[in-house]
Amino acid sequence: MALRVRKQEVEMKVTRESLQVMINSADAVKKQHIVGRALVAIFNRQTMSEKNSNITNNWNTVGFSGADAYSGCLTAKSYLKHKSLQEWQVQKWLKPAKNGYARLTKYHKQLNEIAMEKAA
């Protein structure tokens, strides 16, 4: 008699809270890679002209916000080139905003979309 085992699809969702927990529980090296990989994923969603100019000129809710475009693009490019980030670059994205969450967490919806696309 053969038993069939169903694989249950576990839907992981990137939320502001889950991203903050991941950041809080990581050591310094892991934090560097969390920030770097997240910024590269967001950077890859920018249009080619936005990537080249390091600014946001299309208000399409994809990629970096206007306020974060310059530093986000440069930090992502730095991570792509060196596979690491300087401590000050990491701290810029992990510094808590007024809501208490790291600056990086404001991109949780896009990071969730990217994760879902990768899982599919």
Protein backbone atom coordinates (compact mmCIF):
# COMPACT_ATOMS: atom_id res chain seq x y z
CA MET A 1 0.00 0.00 0.00
CA ALA A 2 1.56 3.27 -1.11
CA LEU A 3 1.09 6.36 0.94
CA ARG A 4 0.81 9.69 -0.75
CA VAL A 5 2.18 12.62 1.09
CA ARG A 6 0.95 16.02 0.04
CA LYS A 7 3.39 18.82 0.14
CA GLN A 8 1.79 21.76 1.79
CA GLU A 9 2.72 25.03 0.29
CA VAL A 10 3.93 27.28 3.02
CA GLU A 11 3.47 30.87 2.03
CA MET A 12 6.19 33.01 3.46
CA LYS A 13 5.30 36.63 3.49
CA VAL A 14 7.73 39.47 3.93
CA THR A 15 6.13 41.95 6.28
CA ARG A 16 7.54 45.00 7.98
CA GLU A 17 7.58 43.04 11.22
CA SER A 18 9.19 39.88 9.83
CA LEU A 19 11.89 41.91 8.11
CA GLN A 20 12.59 43.81 11.34
CA VAL A 21 12.81 40.54 13.29
CA MET A 22 15.25 39.15 10.70
CA ILE A 23 17.40 42.26 11.02
CA ASN A 24 17.30 42.28 14.81
CA SER A 25 18.31 38.62 15.08
CA ALA A 26 21.21 38.85 12.61
CA ASP A 27 24.87 39.38 13.40
CA ALA A 28 26.81 42.23 11.76
CA VAL A 29 27.90 40.24 8.70
CA LYS A 30 24.40 38.88 8.11
CA LYS A 31 22.91 42.39 8.45
CA GLN A 32 25.32 43.60 5.78
CA HIS A 33 24.06 40.93 3.37
CA ILE A 34 20.39 41.45 4.25
CA VAL A 35 20.70 45.15 3.45
CA GLY A 36 22.85 44.59 0.36
CA ARG A 37 20.67 41.89 -1.18
CA ALA A 38 17.45 43.80 -0.44
CA LEU A 39 18.79 46.99 -2.00
CA VAL A 40 20.01 45.12 -5.09
CA ALA A 41 16.57 43.50 -5.47
CA ILE A 42 14.88 46.90 -5.28
CA PHE A 43 17.53 48.47 -7.53
CA ASN A 44 16.83 45.82 -10.18
CA ARG A 45 13.23 47.04 -10.32
CA GLN A 46 14.30 50.59 -11.19
CA THR A 47 14.02 51.62 -14.84
CA MET A 48 17.26 51.76 -16.82
CA SER A 49 17.26 55.57 -16.80
CA GLU A 50 16.74 55.58 -13.01
CA LYS A 51 19.61 53.12 -12.57
CA ASN A 52 21.91 55.25 -14.69
CA SER A 53 21.00 58.58 -13.10
CA ASN A 54 20.59 57.34 -9.49
CA ILE A 55 17.29 59.19 -9.18
CA THR A 56 13.63 58.29 -9.36
CA ASN A 57 11.87 59.97 -12.25
CA ASN A 58 8.97 57.54 -12.75
CA TRP A 59 6.40 57.56 -9.98
CA ASN A 60 5.38 53.94 -10.53
CA THR A 61 5.58 52.57 -6.95
CA VAL A 62 8.42 50.32 -8.10
CA GLY A 63 12.01 50.71 -6.97
CA PHE A 64 13.25 53.36 -4.58
CA SER A 65 11.29 56.36 -3.40
CA GLY A 66 12.55 59.76 -4.51
CA ALA A 67 14.11 60.38 -1.10
CA ASP A 68 16.02 57.07 -1.14
CA ALA A 69 16.89 56.78 -4.82
CA TYR A 70 20.37 58.29 -4.74
CA SER A 71 21.67 56.47 -1.68
CA GLY A 72 19.78 53.28 -2.55
CA CYS A 73 21.23 53.11 -6.05
CA LEU A 74 24.77 53.89 -4.93
CA THR A 75 24.64 51.41 -2.05
CA ALA A 76 23.21 48.67 -4.30
CA LYS A 77 25.91 49.33 -6.91
CA SER A 78 28.55 49.20 -4.18
CA TYR A 79 27.22 45.85 -2.94
CA LEU A 80 27.18 44.45 -6.48
CA LYS A 81 30.78 45.51 -7.01
CA HIS A 82 32.29 44.56 -3.63
CA LYS A 83 29.85 41.95 -2.24
CA SER A 84 30.00 43.83 1.04
CA LEU A 85 29.02 47.19 2.52
CA GLN A 86 30.69 49.63 4.86
CA GLU A 87 29.25 49.86 8.38
CA TRP A 88 27.92 53.38 7.76
CA GLN A 89 26.05 52.17 4.66
CA VAL A 90 24.37 49.41 6.65
CA GLN A 91 23.50 51.74 9.52
CA LYS A 92 21.85 54.23 7.18
CA TRP A 93 19.31 51.57 6.17
CA LEU A 94 18.91 50.08 9.65
CA LYS A 95 18.43 53.34 11.52
CA PRO A 96 14.94 53.38 13.01
CA ALA A 97 12.44 55.80 11.51
CA LYS A 98 9.78 57.61 13.55
CA ASN A 99 7.66 54.45 13.49
CA GLY A 100 10.47 52.48 15.17
CA TYR A 101 11.22 50.28 12.17
CA ALA A 102 14.41 50.29 10.11
CA ARG A 103 14.35 52.45 6.98
CA LEU A 104 14.75 49.32 4.84
CA THR A 105 11.42 47.94 6.07
CA LYS A 106 9.44 50.54 4.14
CA TYR A 107 10.16 48.40 1.07
CA HIS A 108 8.64 45.25 2.58
CA LYS A 109 5.82 45.08 0.01
CA GLN A 110 8.23 45.15 -2.92
CA LEU A 111 10.51 42.64 -1.21
CA ASN A 112 7.51 40.37 -0.68
CA GLU A 113 6.60 40.65 -4.38
CA ILE A 114 10.18 39.80 -5.33
CA ALA A 115 10.19 36.80 -2.99
CA MET A 116 6.90 35.54 -4.42
CA GLU A 117 8.21 35.91 -7.98
CA LYS A 118 11.32 33.92 -7.05
CA ALA A 119 9.25 31.19 -5.38
CA ALA A 120 6.99 30.75 -8.42
